[in-house]
């Protein structure tokens, strides 16, 4: 002791190994077109380079074309159920499809959601609560010893969409009665801070009504 200074050869080996392990090609992720899950790009195979039976992923009633008017017909998206803007397939999905079966987590197994409309992107917590089709409760308890404990009594209830259809969006007075914001920080919030909150409730509510 102290240990000997590492040689130049050992230094080069350590630095080269570190650079190889953190290479961007090993860290970058992309979505699988079949299951939609984020997967390292090195584990994805281009859809054009694989020969698979894509008819396995065809399932009527899973997808839905976007409707712009209440009188537009309800139609499915033709073809296999794949994620948009994804051109690769992960190892597990490829192995499953080569056996002639649809992957368990494939979008065709009633997991397809589709593109998120502009009106429903970047919503605040309150706006998500207003347009959610399912609401749930949860309880977190902190015991006297200071250790955290969570009670897993989670209940999920369906939102009465039929009743909400004609009342969305709520008025400002109705929202003020049931909703409160808690600001955490060393100083009191200024009027500018409160006015900076994004206002997308109207567009979000109209978008939900259009898609029901």
N, C-alpha and C. Protein backbone atom coordinates (compact mmCIF):
# COMPACT_ATOMS: atom_id res chain seq x y z
N UNK A 1 0.86 -1.19 0.00
CA UNK A 1 0.00 0.00 0.00
C UNK A 1 0.90 1.25 0.00
N UNK A 2 0.60 2.25 -0.76
CA UNK A 2 -0.53 2.41 -1.69
C UNK A 2 -0.35 1.55 -2.93
N UNK A 3 -1.45 1.26 -3.64
CA UNK A 3 -1.33 0.41 -4.84
C UNK A 3 -0.50 1.10 -5.91
N UNK A 4 0.02 0.29 -6.78
CA UNK A 4 0.84 0.81 -7.86
C UNK A 4 0.00 1.62 -8.85
N UNK A 5 0.63 2.59 -9.46
CA UNK A 5 -0.05 3.40 -10.48
C UNK A 5 -0.37 2.52 -11.68
N UNK A 6 -1.61 2.55 -12.17
CA UNK A 6 -1.94 1.69 -13.32
C UNK A 6 -1.13 2.07 -14.54
N UNK A 7 -0.79 1.07 -15.29
CA UNK A 7 0.00 1.29 -16.50
C UNK A 7 -0.86 1.94 -17.58
N UNK A 8 -0.21 2.44 -18.61
CA UNK A 8 -0.94 3.07 -19.73
C UNK A 8 -1.83 2.06 -20.42
N UNK A 9 -1.37 0.82 -20.50
CA UNK A 9 -2.19 -0.22 -21.14
C UNK A 9 -3.47 -0.47 -20.35
N UNK A 10 -3.36 -0.52 -19.01
CA UNK A 10 -4.54 -0.74 -18.18
C UNK A 10 -5.48 0.47 -18.24
N UNK A 11 -4.93 1.67 -18.23
CA UNK A 11 -5.76 2.86 -18.35
C UNK A 11 -6.53 2.86 -19.66
N UNK A 12 -5.84 2.52 -20.74
CA UNK A 12 -6.49 2.48 -22.05
C UNK A 12 -7.60 1.43 -22.06
N UNK A 13 -7.37 0.30 -21.42
CA UNK A 13 -8.39 -0.76 -21.37
C UNK A 13 -9.61 -0.31 -20.58
N UNK A 14 -9.39 0.38 -19.44
CA UNK A 14 -10.50 0.84 -18.61
C UNK A 14 -11.33 1.90 -19.34
N UNK A 15 -10.64 2.87 -19.94
CA UNK A 15 -11.34 3.95 -20.64
C UNK A 15 -12.08 3.42 -21.86
N UNK A 16 -11.45 2.50 -22.60
CA UNK A 16 -12.11 1.94 -23.78
C UNK A 16 -13.34 1.13 -23.39
N UNK A 17 -13.25 0.37 -22.29
CA UNK A 17 -14.41 -0.39 -21.84
C UNK A 17 -15.55 0.49 -21.39
N UNK A 18 -15.22 1.61 -20.71
CA UNK A 18 -16.26 2.53 -20.28
C UNK A 18 -16.94 3.19 -21.47
N UNK A 19 -16.14 3.62 -22.45
CA UNK A 19 -16.71 4.24 -23.65
C UNK A 19 -17.59 3.26 -24.43
N UNK A 20 -17.20 2.00 -24.42
CA UNK A 20 -17.99 0.99 -25.12
C UNK A 20 -19.31 0.74 -24.42
N UNK A 21 -19.30 0.76 -23.08
CA UNK A 21 -20.53 0.48 -22.33
C UNK A 21 -21.53 1.63 -22.39
N UNK A 22 -21.04 2.86 -22.56
CA UNK A 22 -21.94 4.03 -22.59
C UNK A 22 -22.12 4.54 -24.01
N UNK A 23 -21.86 3.72 -25.00
CA UNK A 23 -22.06 4.13 -26.39
C UNK A 23 -23.53 4.45 -26.62
N UNK A 24 -23.84 5.55 -27.31
CA UNK A 24 -25.25 5.92 -27.53
C UNK A 24 -26.08 4.83 -28.18
N UNK A 25 -25.46 4.02 -29.03
CA UNK A 25 -26.22 2.96 -29.69
C UNK A 25 -26.73 1.92 -28.70
N UNK A 26 -26.08 1.79 -27.54
CA UNK A 26 -26.52 0.83 -26.53
C UNK A 26 -27.53 1.42 -25.56
N UNK A 27 -27.62 2.75 -25.50
CA UNK A 27 -28.51 3.40 -24.55
C UNK A 27 -29.80 3.90 -25.20
N UNK A 28 -29.77 4.15 -26.49
CA UNK A 28 -30.96 4.67 -27.17
C UNK A 28 -32.06 3.62 -27.19
N UNK A 29 -33.29 4.09 -27.03
CA UNK A 29 -34.46 3.22 -27.03
C UNK A 29 -35.46 3.68 -28.08
N UNK A 30 -36.23 2.74 -28.56
CA UNK A 30 -37.28 3.03 -29.53
C UNK A 30 -38.44 2.08 -29.28
N UNK A 31 -39.60 2.44 -29.77
CA UNK A 31 -40.79 1.64 -29.53
C UNK A 31 -40.89 0.45 -30.46
N UNK A 32 -41.39 -0.65 -29.93
CA UNK A 32 -41.66 -1.84 -30.74
C UNK A 32 -43.00 -1.64 -31.44
N UNK A 33 -43.05 -1.91 -32.73
CA UNK A 33 -44.27 -1.70 -33.48
C UNK A 33 -45.37 -2.67 -33.09
N UNK A 34 -45.04 -3.80 -32.50
CA UNK A 34 -46.03 -4.82 -32.15
C UNK A 34 -46.61 -4.57 -30.76
N UNK A 35 -45.75 -4.36 -29.77
CA UNK A 35 -46.22 -4.18 -28.39
C UNK A 35 -46.16 -2.73 -27.93
N UNK A 36 -45.42 -1.88 -28.63
CA UNK A 36 -45.34 -0.47 -28.28
C UNK A 36 -44.43 -0.16 -27.12
N UNK A 37 -43.75 -1.14 -26.54
CA UNK A 37 -42.89 -0.90 -25.39
C UNK A 37 -41.52 -0.39 -25.83
N UNK A 38 -40.95 0.49 -25.00
CA UNK A 38 -39.62 1.00 -25.29
C UNK A 38 -38.59 -0.12 -25.16
N UNK A 39 -37.75 -0.25 -26.18
CA UNK A 39 -36.76 -1.32 -26.24
C UNK A 39 -35.45 -0.73 -26.76
N UNK A 40 -34.30 -1.17 -26.24
CA UNK A 40 -33.02 -0.70 -26.81
C UNK A 40 -32.97 -0.96 -28.31
N UNK A 41 -32.46 0.02 -29.04
CA UNK A 41 -32.45 -0.09 -30.49
C UNK A 41 -31.64 -1.29 -30.98
N UNK A 42 -30.64 -1.71 -30.20
CA UNK A 42 -29.83 -2.85 -30.62
C UNK A 42 -30.63 -4.15 -30.55
N UNK A 43 -31.75 -4.16 -29.85
CA UNK A 43 -32.58 -5.35 -29.73
C UNK A 43 -33.79 -5.31 -30.66
N UNK A 44 -33.84 -4.32 -31.54
CA UNK A 44 -34.94 -4.19 -32.48
C UNK A 44 -34.50 -4.61 -33.88
N UNK A 45 -35.41 -5.25 -34.60
CA UNK A 45 -35.18 -5.64 -35.98
C UNK A 45 -36.16 -4.91 -36.87
N UNK A 46 -35.68 -4.36 -37.96
CA UNK A 46 -36.55 -3.63 -38.86
C UNK A 46 -37.64 -4.53 -39.42
N UNK A 47 -38.84 -4.00 -39.52
CA UNK A 47 -39.97 -4.80 -40.00
C UNK A 47 -39.75 -5.30 -41.42
N UNK A 48 -38.99 -4.56 -42.21
CA UNK A 48 -38.76 -4.97 -43.59
C UNK A 48 -37.79 -6.15 -43.70
N UNK A 49 -37.06 -6.41 -42.62
CA UNK A 49 -36.04 -7.47 -42.66
C UNK A 49 -36.53 -8.79 -42.08
N UNK A 50 -37.78 -8.87 -41.67
CA UNK A 50 -38.31 -10.11 -41.08
C UNK A 50 -39.49 -10.60 -41.91
N UNK A 51 -39.60 -11.91 -42.00
CA UNK A 51 -40.71 -12.54 -42.72
C UNK A 51 -41.64 -13.17 -41.69
N UNK A 52 -42.74 -12.49 -41.42
CA UNK A 52 -43.70 -12.96 -40.42
C UNK A 52 -45.11 -12.90 -40.98
N UNK A 53 -45.99 -13.64 -40.37
CA UNK A 53 -47.40 -13.62 -40.75
C UNK A 53 -48.09 -12.49 -39.99
N UNK A 54 -48.22 -11.34 -40.65
CA UNK A 54 -48.80 -10.17 -39.98
C UNK A 54 -50.30 -10.29 -39.81
N UNK A 55 -50.93 -11.27 -40.44
CA UNK A 55 -52.37 -11.46 -40.25
C UNK A 55 -52.71 -11.85 -38.81
N UNK A 56 -51.71 -12.33 -38.06
CA UNK A 56 -51.94 -12.69 -36.66
C UNK A 56 -52.37 -11.47 -35.85
N UNK A 57 -51.88 -10.30 -36.27
CA UNK A 57 -52.14 -9.07 -35.52
C UNK A 57 -53.41 -8.35 -35.99
N UNK A 58 -54.17 -8.96 -36.87
CA UNK A 58 -55.43 -8.36 -37.32
C UNK A 58 -56.54 -8.78 -36.36
N UNK A 59 -57.19 -7.81 -35.76
CA UNK A 59 -58.24 -8.08 -34.78
C UNK A 59 -59.31 -7.01 -34.92
N UNK A 60 -60.49 -7.42 -35.34
CA UNK A 60 -61.59 -6.48 -35.54
C UNK A 60 -62.07 -5.92 -34.20
N UNK A 61 -62.41 -4.65 -34.21
CA UNK A 61 -62.96 -4.01 -33.03
C UNK A 61 -61.94 -3.48 -32.05
N UNK A 62 -60.65 -3.60 -32.37
CA UNK A 62 -59.60 -3.13 -31.45
C UNK A 62 -59.24 -1.68 -31.75
N UNK A 63 -59.09 -1.35 -33.03
CA UNK A 63 -58.70 0.00 -33.41
C UNK A 63 -59.93 0.84 -33.75
N UNK A 64 -59.70 2.11 -33.95
CA UNK A 64 -60.80 3.02 -34.28
C UNK A 64 -60.25 4.20 -35.07
N UNK A 65 -60.87 4.48 -36.22
CA UNK A 65 -60.48 5.65 -36.99
C UNK A 65 -60.94 6.92 -36.28
N UNK A 66 -60.16 7.97 -36.44
CA UNK A 66 -60.51 9.24 -35.79
C UNK A 66 -61.75 9.83 -36.45
N UNK A 67 -62.65 10.31 -35.61
CA UNK A 67 -63.90 10.92 -36.07
C UNK A 67 -63.85 12.41 -35.81
N UNK A 68 -64.27 13.18 -36.80
CA UNK A 68 -64.27 14.63 -36.69
C UNK A 68 -65.67 15.20 -36.56
N UNK A 69 -66.68 14.34 -36.66
CA UNK A 69 -68.06 14.80 -36.53
C UNK A 69 -68.88 13.67 -35.93
N UNK A 70 -69.95 14.04 -35.24
CA UNK A 70 -70.77 13.03 -34.57
C UNK A 70 -71.43 12.09 -35.56
N UNK A 71 -71.61 12.53 -36.80
CA UNK A 71 -72.25 11.70 -37.82
C UNK A 71 -71.26 10.85 -38.60
N UNK A 72 -69.98 10.97 -38.33
CA UNK A 72 -68.99 10.14 -39.02
C UNK A 72 -69.16 8.68 -38.62
N UNK A 73 -69.02 7.75 -39.56
CA UNK A 73 -69.20 6.33 -39.22
C UNK A 73 -68.07 5.83 -38.32
N UNK A 74 -68.39 4.83 -37.50
CA UNK A 74 -67.40 4.20 -36.63
C UNK A 74 -66.74 3.07 -37.41
N UNK A 75 -65.45 3.20 -37.69
CA UNK A 75 -64.73 2.24 -38.50
C UNK A 75 -63.40 1.88 -37.84
N UNK A 76 -62.92 0.67 -38.14
CA UNK A 76 -61.62 0.22 -37.64
C UNK A 76 -60.52 0.67 -38.60
N UNK A 77 -59.31 0.73 -38.09
CA UNK A 77 -58.15 0.98 -38.93
C UNK A 77 -57.78 -0.31 -39.64
N UNK A 78 -57.78 -0.34 -40.97
CA UNK A 78 -57.52 -1.60 -41.67
C UNK A 78 -56.09 -2.08 -41.48
N UNK A 79 -55.91 -3.40 -41.60
CA UNK A 79 -54.58 -3.98 -41.52
C UNK A 79 -54.21 -4.43 -40.12
N UNK A 80 -52.99 -4.93 -39.96
CA UNK A 80 -52.54 -5.38 -38.63
C UNK A 80 -52.43 -4.21 -37.66
N UNK A 81 -52.61 -4.51 -36.39
CA UNK A 81 -52.57 -3.49 -35.34
C UNK A 81 -51.11 -3.25 -34.97
N UNK A 82 -50.57 -2.13 -35.43
CA UNK A 82 -49.18 -1.76 -35.16
C UNK A 82 -49.11 -0.34 -34.64
N UNK A 83 -48.05 -0.04 -33.92
CA UNK A 83 -47.85 1.31 -33.39
C UNK A 83 -47.37 2.23 -34.50
N UNK A 84 -47.94 3.41 -34.54
CA UNK A 84 -47.53 4.38 -35.54
C UNK A 84 -46.12 4.88 -35.26
N UNK A 85 -45.42 5.23 -36.33
CA UNK A 85 -44.07 5.81 -36.24
C UNK A 85 -43.06 4.83 -35.63
N UNK A 86 -43.35 3.55 -35.66
CA UNK A 86 -42.41 2.53 -35.18
C UNK A 86 -42.13 1.55 -36.32
N UNK A 87 -40.87 1.30 -36.59
CA UNK A 87 -40.50 0.43 -37.70
C UNK A 87 -39.68 -0.77 -37.28
N UNK A 88 -39.67 -1.10 -35.98
CA UNK A 88 -38.91 -2.23 -35.48
C UNK A 88 -39.75 -3.16 -34.64
N UNK A 89 -39.25 -4.37 -34.45
CA UNK A 89 -39.92 -5.37 -33.62
C UNK A 89 -38.91 -5.93 -32.63
N UNK A 90 -39.33 -6.10 -31.38
CA UNK A 90 -38.41 -6.57 -30.33
C UNK A 90 -38.21 -8.08 -30.44
N UNK A 91 -37.27 -8.59 -29.67
CA UNK A 91 -36.89 -10.00 -29.74
C UNK A 91 -38.03 -10.90 -29.27
N UNK A 92 -38.68 -10.54 -28.16
CA UNK A 92 -39.74 -11.40 -27.62
C UNK A 92 -40.94 -11.47 -28.55
N UNK A 93 -41.33 -10.34 -29.14
CA UNK A 93 -42.47 -10.35 -30.06
C UNK A 93 -42.14 -11.13 -31.33
N UNK A 94 -40.91 -10.99 -31.81
CA UNK A 94 -40.52 -11.72 -33.03
C UNK A 94 -40.51 -13.22 -32.78
N UNK A 95 -40.01 -13.64 -31.63
CA UNK A 95 -39.98 -15.07 -31.32
C UNK A 95 -41.38 -15.64 -31.18
N UNK A 96 -42.27 -14.87 -30.58
CA UNK A 96 -43.65 -15.33 -30.39
C UNK A 96 -44.38 -15.44 -31.72
N UNK A 97 -44.19 -14.46 -32.60
CA UNK A 97 -44.88 -14.49 -33.89
C UNK A 97 -44.33 -15.57 -34.80
N UNK A 98 -43.07 -15.93 -34.67
CA UNK A 98 -42.52 -17.01 -35.48
C UNK A 98 -43.13 -18.35 -35.12
N UNK A 99 -43.67 -18.45 -33.91
CA UNK A 99 -44.36 -19.67 -33.50
C UNK A 99 -45.83 -19.67 -33.92
N UNK A 100 -46.27 -18.58 -34.54
CA UNK A 100 -47.64 -18.51 -35.02
C UNK A 100 -48.63 -17.96 -34.02
N UNK A 101 -48.14 -17.29 -32.97
CA UNK A 101 -49.03 -16.74 -31.95
C UNK A 101 -48.81 -15.24 -31.84
N UNK A 102 -49.87 -14.54 -31.45
CA UNK A 102 -49.75 -13.11 -31.19
C UNK A 102 -49.14 -12.89 -29.82
N UNK A 103 -48.20 -11.98 -29.66
CA UNK A 103 -47.60 -11.72 -28.35
C UNK A 103 -48.65 -11.30 -27.33
N UNK A 104 -48.41 -11.68 -26.08
CA UNK A 104 -49.37 -11.37 -25.02
C UNK A 104 -49.56 -9.86 -24.87
N UNK A 105 -48.47 -9.11 -24.99
CA UNK A 105 -48.53 -7.66 -24.80
C UNK A 105 -48.65 -6.92 -26.12
N UNK A 106 -49.09 -7.59 -27.17
CA UNK A 106 -49.24 -6.91 -28.45
C UNK A 106 -50.42 -5.95 -28.40
N UNK A 107 -50.35 -4.90 -29.20
CA UNK A 107 -51.43 -3.92 -29.25
C UNK A 107 -52.72 -4.53 -29.77
N UNK A 108 -52.62 -5.60 -30.54
CA UNK A 108 -53.82 -6.25 -31.06
C UNK A 108 -54.59 -6.99 -29.98
N UNK A 109 -53.97 -7.20 -28.82
CA UNK A 109 -54.63 -7.88 -27.71
C UNK A 109 -55.37 -6.86 -26.85
N UNK A 110 -56.15 -6.01 -27.52
CA UNK A 110 -56.98 -4.99 -26.88
C UNK A 110 -56.16 -4.03 -26.02
N UNK A 111 -54.94 -3.74 -26.46
CA UNK A 111 -54.09 -2.77 -25.78
C UNK A 111 -53.83 -1.54 -26.64
N UNK A 112 -54.47 -1.45 -27.79
CA UNK A 112 -54.27 -0.32 -28.70
C UNK A 112 -54.97 0.92 -28.16
N UNK A 113 -54.26 2.03 -28.19
CA UNK A 113 -54.83 3.31 -27.75
C UNK A 113 -54.89 4.30 -28.91
N UNK A 114 -53.87 4.33 -29.74
CA UNK A 114 -53.85 5.27 -30.86
C UNK A 114 -53.12 6.55 -30.50
N UNK A 115 -53.10 7.46 -31.46
CA UNK A 115 -52.43 8.73 -31.25
C UNK A 115 -53.21 9.60 -30.28
N UNK A 116 -52.49 10.31 -29.42
CA UNK A 116 -53.13 11.22 -28.47
C UNK A 116 -53.44 12.53 -29.18
N UNK A 117 -54.69 12.97 -29.18
CA UNK A 117 -55.03 14.24 -29.85
C UNK A 117 -54.31 15.41 -29.20
N UNK A 118 -54.17 16.47 -29.97
CA UNK A 118 -53.48 17.66 -29.47
C UNK A 118 -54.18 18.22 -28.25
N UNK A 119 -55.51 18.14 -28.21
CA UNK A 119 -56.26 18.71 -27.09
C UNK A 119 -56.04 17.95 -25.79
N UNK A 120 -55.54 16.72 -25.86
CA UNK A 120 -55.37 15.91 -24.66
C UNK A 120 -53.91 15.74 -24.28
N UNK A 121 -53.03 16.53 -24.85
CA UNK A 121 -51.61 16.43 -24.54
C UNK A 121 -51.22 17.49 -23.51
N UNK A 122 -50.25 17.13 -22.67
CA UNK A 122 -49.68 18.05 -21.67
C UNK A 122 -50.75 18.62 -20.74
N UNK A 123 -51.63 17.76 -20.26
CA UNK A 123 -52.68 18.20 -19.35
C UNK A 123 -52.15 18.27 -17.92
N UNK A 124 -52.77 19.12 -17.14
CA UNK A 124 -52.43 19.21 -15.72
C UNK A 124 -53.15 18.10 -14.96
N UNK A 125 -52.83 17.96 -13.67
CA UNK A 125 -53.44 16.92 -12.86
C UNK A 125 -54.95 17.11 -12.76
N UNK A 126 -55.40 18.35 -12.58
CA UNK A 126 -56.83 18.62 -12.47
C UNK A 126 -57.56 18.32 -13.76
N UNK A 127 -56.96 18.65 -14.89
CA UNK A 127 -57.60 18.39 -16.18
C UNK A 127 -57.70 16.90 -16.46
N UNK A 128 -56.71 16.13 -16.04
CA UNK A 128 -56.78 14.68 -16.20
C UNK A 128 -57.92 14.10 -15.37
N UNK A 129 -58.14 14.64 -14.18
CA UNK A 129 -59.23 14.15 -13.34
C UNK A 129 -60.59 14.45 -13.97
N UNK A 130 -60.71 15.59 -14.64
CA UNK A 130 -62.00 15.98 -15.22
C UNK A 130 -62.40 15.09 -16.39
N UNK A 131 -61.43 14.62 -17.16
CA UNK A 131 -61.76 13.86 -18.37
C UNK A 131 -61.49 12.37 -18.22
N UNK A 132 -61.09 11.92 -17.03
CA UNK A 132 -60.79 10.50 -16.84
C UNK A 132 -62.06 9.66 -16.91
N UNK A 133 -61.99 8.53 -17.58
CA UNK A 133 -63.12 7.61 -17.65
C UNK A 133 -63.19 6.69 -16.44
N UNK A 134 -62.10 6.59 -15.70
CA UNK A 134 -62.06 5.76 -14.50
C UNK A 134 -61.40 6.58 -13.39
N UNK A 135 -62.01 6.58 -12.23
CA UNK A 135 -61.43 7.28 -11.08
C UNK A 135 -61.09 6.25 -10.00
N UNK A 136 -60.09 6.53 -9.22
CA UNK A 136 -59.66 5.58 -8.20
C UNK A 136 -59.22 6.35 -6.96
N UNK A 137 -59.24 5.67 -5.84
CA UNK A 137 -58.80 6.27 -4.58
C UNK A 137 -57.63 5.48 -4.03
N UNK A 138 -56.85 6.11 -3.19
CA UNK A 138 -55.71 5.44 -2.58
C UNK A 138 -55.43 6.13 -1.25
N UNK A 139 -54.84 5.39 -0.36
CA UNK A 139 -54.60 5.90 1.00
C UNK A 139 -53.17 5.60 1.40
N UNK A 140 -52.45 6.62 1.84
CA UNK A 140 -51.08 6.47 2.32
C UNK A 140 -51.04 6.84 3.79
N UNK A 141 -50.54 5.95 4.63
CA UNK A 141 -50.53 6.14 6.08
C UNK A 141 -49.08 6.19 6.55
N UNK A 142 -48.77 7.13 7.43
CA UNK A 142 -47.44 7.19 8.05
C UNK A 142 -47.60 6.85 9.53
N UNK A 143 -46.95 5.78 9.96
CA UNK A 143 -47.08 5.31 11.33
C UNK A 143 -46.27 6.20 12.27
N UNK A 144 -46.47 6.02 13.59
CA UNK A 144 -45.85 6.90 14.59
C UNK A 144 -44.33 6.79 14.59
N UNK A 145 -43.79 5.63 14.23
CA UNK A 145 -42.34 5.45 14.26
C UNK A 145 -41.62 6.20 13.16
N UNK A 146 -42.37 6.75 12.21
CA UNK A 146 -41.75 7.50 11.13
C UNK A 146 -41.55 6.70 9.87
N UNK A 147 -41.75 5.42 9.93
CA UNK A 147 -41.59 4.57 8.75
C UNK A 147 -42.86 4.63 7.91
N UNK A 148 -42.69 4.61 6.62
CA UNK A 148 -43.84 4.72 5.73
C UNK A 148 -44.58 3.42 5.57
N UNK A 149 -45.86 3.52 5.42
CA UNK A 149 -46.71 2.36 5.20
C UNK A 149 -47.83 2.76 4.27
N UNK A 150 -48.11 1.92 3.28
CA UNK A 150 -49.16 2.22 2.33
C UNK A 150 -50.25 1.17 2.41
N UNK A 151 -51.48 1.61 2.56
CA UNK A 151 -52.61 0.69 2.54
C UNK A 151 -53.04 0.50 1.09
N UNK A 152 -53.02 -0.73 0.61
CA UNK A 152 -53.28 -1.01 -0.80
C UNK A 152 -54.76 -1.25 -1.07
N UNK A 153 -55.62 -0.46 -0.44
CA UNK A 153 -57.05 -0.58 -0.70
C UNK A 153 -57.43 0.33 -1.86
N UNK A 154 -57.03 -0.01 -3.05
CA UNK A 154 -57.32 0.80 -4.23
C UNK A 154 -58.63 0.34 -4.85
N UNK A 155 -59.52 1.28 -5.07
CA UNK A 155 -60.82 1.00 -5.67
C UNK A 155 -60.94 1.82 -6.94
N UNK A 156 -61.30 1.17 -8.03
CA UNK A 156 -61.46 1.84 -9.32
C UNK A 156 -62.94 1.85 -9.67
N UNK A 157 -63.45 3.03 -9.95
CA UNK A 157 -64.86 3.22 -10.27
C UNK A 157 -64.99 3.87 -11.64
N UNK A 158 -65.95 3.40 -12.40
CA UNK A 158 -66.19 3.97 -13.73
C UNK A 158 -66.87 5.33 -13.60
N UNK A 159 -66.42 6.27 -14.39
CA UNK A 159 -67.01 7.60 -14.39
C UNK A 159 -68.31 7.57 -15.20
N UNK A 160 -69.40 8.14 -14.69
CA UNK A 160 -70.67 8.17 -15.44
C UNK A 160 -70.57 9.11 -16.63
N UNK A 161 -70.04 8.60 -17.74
CA UNK A 161 -69.77 9.44 -18.91
C UNK A 161 -71.06 10.02 -19.48
N UNK A 162 -72.14 9.25 -19.45
CA UNK A 162 -73.40 9.72 -20.02
C UNK A 162 -73.88 10.98 -19.30
N UNK A 163 -73.71 11.02 -17.98
CA UNK A 163 -74.13 12.19 -17.21
C UNK A 163 -73.17 13.36 -17.41
N UNK A 164 -71.89 13.05 -17.57
CA UNK A 164 -70.91 14.12 -17.74
C UNK A 164 -70.92 14.72 -19.13
N UNK A 165 -71.51 14.02 -20.08
CA UNK A 165 -71.46 14.47 -21.47
C UNK A 165 -72.09 15.85 -21.62
N UNK A 166 -73.17 16.08 -20.91
CA UNK A 166 -73.90 17.34 -21.06
C UNK A 166 -73.48 18.41 -20.06
N UNK A 167 -72.56 18.11 -19.17
CA UNK A 167 -72.15 19.09 -18.16
C UNK A 167 -70.70 19.55 -18.34
N UNK A 168 -69.95 18.89 -19.21
CA UNK A 168 -68.58 19.34 -19.47
C UNK A 168 -68.59 20.46 -20.50
N UNK A 169 -67.75 21.46 -20.39
CA UNK A 169 -66.83 21.70 -19.27
C UNK A 169 -67.54 22.36 -18.09
N UNK A 170 -67.08 22.14 -16.87
CA UNK A 170 -67.72 22.77 -15.71
C UNK A 170 -67.43 24.26 -15.66
N UNK A 171 -68.29 24.97 -14.96
CA UNK A 171 -68.07 26.40 -14.80
C UNK A 171 -66.96 26.65 -13.78
N UNK A 172 -66.49 27.88 -13.73
CA UNK A 172 -65.42 28.23 -12.81
C UNK A 172 -65.86 28.07 -11.36
N UNK A 173 -67.11 28.40 -11.07
CA UNK A 173 -67.60 28.27 -9.70
C UNK A 173 -67.70 26.81 -9.28
N UNK A 174 -68.11 25.93 -10.20
CA UNK A 174 -68.21 24.51 -9.87
C UNK A 174 -66.84 23.91 -9.59
N UNK A 175 -65.85 24.30 -10.37
CA UNK A 175 -64.50 23.79 -10.15
C UNK A 175 -63.94 24.29 -8.82
N UNK A 176 -64.24 25.53 -8.48
CA UNK A 176 -63.72 26.11 -7.24
C UNK A 176 -64.29 25.43 -6.01
N UNK A 177 -65.49 24.85 -6.12
CA UNK A 177 -66.11 24.21 -4.96
C UNK A 177 -65.46 22.88 -4.61
N UNK A 178 -64.94 22.17 -5.58
CA UNK A 178 -64.45 20.81 -5.35
C UNK A 178 -62.95 20.67 -5.54
N UNK A 179 -62.28 21.70 -6.01
CA UNK A 179 -60.87 21.58 -6.35
C UNK A 179 -60.07 22.64 -5.62
N UNK A 180 -58.94 22.24 -5.07
CA UNK A 180 -58.05 23.16 -4.37
C UNK A 180 -56.61 22.82 -4.72
N UNK A 181 -55.78 23.82 -4.88
CA UNK A 181 -54.37 23.65 -5.18
C UNK A 181 -53.54 24.05 -3.97
N UNK A 182 -52.54 23.26 -3.67
CA UNK A 182 -51.64 23.54 -2.56
C UNK A 182 -50.27 23.89 -3.14
N UNK A 183 -49.81 25.10 -2.90
CA UNK A 183 -48.51 25.55 -3.38
C UNK A 183 -47.48 25.35 -2.27
N UNK A 184 -46.42 24.63 -2.58
CA UNK A 184 -45.35 24.36 -1.62
C UNK A 184 -44.13 25.21 -1.98
N UNK A 185 -43.58 25.89 -1.00
CA UNK A 185 -42.40 26.70 -1.24
C UNK A 185 -42.16 27.69 -0.13
N UNK A 186 -41.04 28.38 -0.18
CA UNK A 186 -40.71 29.32 0.90
C UNK A 186 -41.51 30.62 0.85
N UNK A 187 -42.12 30.94 -0.30
CA UNK A 187 -42.84 32.20 -0.44
C UNK A 187 -44.27 31.94 -0.90
N UNK A 188 -45.13 32.93 -0.67
CA UNK A 188 -46.51 32.83 -1.11
C UNK A 188 -46.59 32.98 -2.63
N UNK A 189 -47.50 32.24 -3.28
CA UNK A 189 -47.63 32.37 -4.74
C UNK A 189 -48.17 33.74 -5.12
N UNK A 190 -47.62 34.30 -6.17
CA UNK A 190 -48.05 35.59 -6.67
C UNK A 190 -49.17 35.40 -7.69
N UNK A 191 -49.93 36.46 -7.99
CA UNK A 191 -50.97 36.34 -9.04
C UNK A 191 -50.41 35.86 -10.37
N UNK A 192 -49.17 36.23 -10.67
CA UNK A 192 -48.57 35.79 -11.92
C UNK A 192 -48.36 34.28 -11.93
N UNK A 193 -48.01 33.72 -10.77
CA UNK A 193 -47.83 32.27 -10.67
C UNK A 193 -49.13 31.54 -10.91
N UNK A 194 -50.22 32.04 -10.34
CA UNK A 194 -51.52 31.38 -10.51
C UNK A 194 -52.02 31.50 -11.94
N UNK A 195 -51.78 32.64 -12.58
CA UNK A 195 -52.25 32.85 -13.94
C UNK A 195 -51.44 32.08 -14.96
N UNK A 196 -50.28 31.56 -14.56
CA UNK A 196 -49.41 30.85 -15.50
C UNK A 196 -49.88 29.42 -15.76
N UNK A 197 -50.86 28.93 -14.98
CA UNK A 197 -51.34 27.56 -15.16
C UNK A 197 -51.99 27.42 -16.53
N UNK A 198 -51.71 26.36 -17.29
CA UNK A 198 -52.30 26.21 -18.62
C UNK A 198 -53.79 25.97 -18.54
N UNK A 199 -54.52 26.54 -19.48
CA UNK A 199 -55.98 26.40 -19.52
C UNK A 199 -56.35 25.59 -20.75
N UNK A 200 -56.49 24.28 -20.57
CA UNK A 200 -56.87 23.40 -21.66
C UNK A 200 -58.13 22.62 -21.34
N UNK A 201 -58.81 22.99 -20.28
CA UNK A 201 -59.98 22.22 -19.86
C UNK A 201 -61.06 22.26 -20.93
N UNK A 202 -61.28 23.43 -21.53
CA UNK A 202 -62.35 23.55 -22.52
C UNK A 202 -62.07 22.67 -23.73
N UNK A 203 -60.86 22.77 -24.29
CA UNK A 203 -60.52 21.96 -25.46
C UNK A 203 -60.55 20.47 -25.13
N UNK A 204 -60.08 20.10 -23.95
CA UNK A 204 -60.06 18.69 -23.56
C UNK A 204 -61.47 18.15 -23.41
N UNK A 205 -62.36 18.93 -22.81
CA UNK A 205 -63.73 18.47 -22.61
C UNK A 205 -64.45 18.32 -23.94
N UNK A 206 -64.24 19.27 -24.84
CA UNK A 206 -64.87 19.18 -26.15
C UNK A 206 -64.33 17.99 -26.93
N UNK A 207 -63.04 17.69 -26.77
CA UNK A 207 -62.45 16.55 -27.47
C UNK A 207 -63.03 15.25 -26.94
N UNK A 208 -63.22 15.14 -25.63
CA UNK A 208 -63.81 13.94 -25.06
C UNK A 208 -65.23 13.76 -25.55
N UNK A 209 -66.01 14.84 -25.59
CA UNK A 209 -67.39 14.75 -26.05
C UNK A 209 -67.45 14.32 -27.51
N UNK A 210 -66.49 14.78 -28.31
CA UNK A 210 -66.49 14.42 -29.73
C UNK A 210 -66.17 12.95 -29.93
N UNK A 211 -65.35 12.37 -29.03
CA UNK A 211 -64.92 10.99 -29.21
C UNK A 211 -65.84 9.98 -28.55
N UNK A 212 -66.78 10.44 -27.73
CA UNK A 212 -67.68 9.49 -27.07
C UNK A 212 -68.67 8.90 -28.06
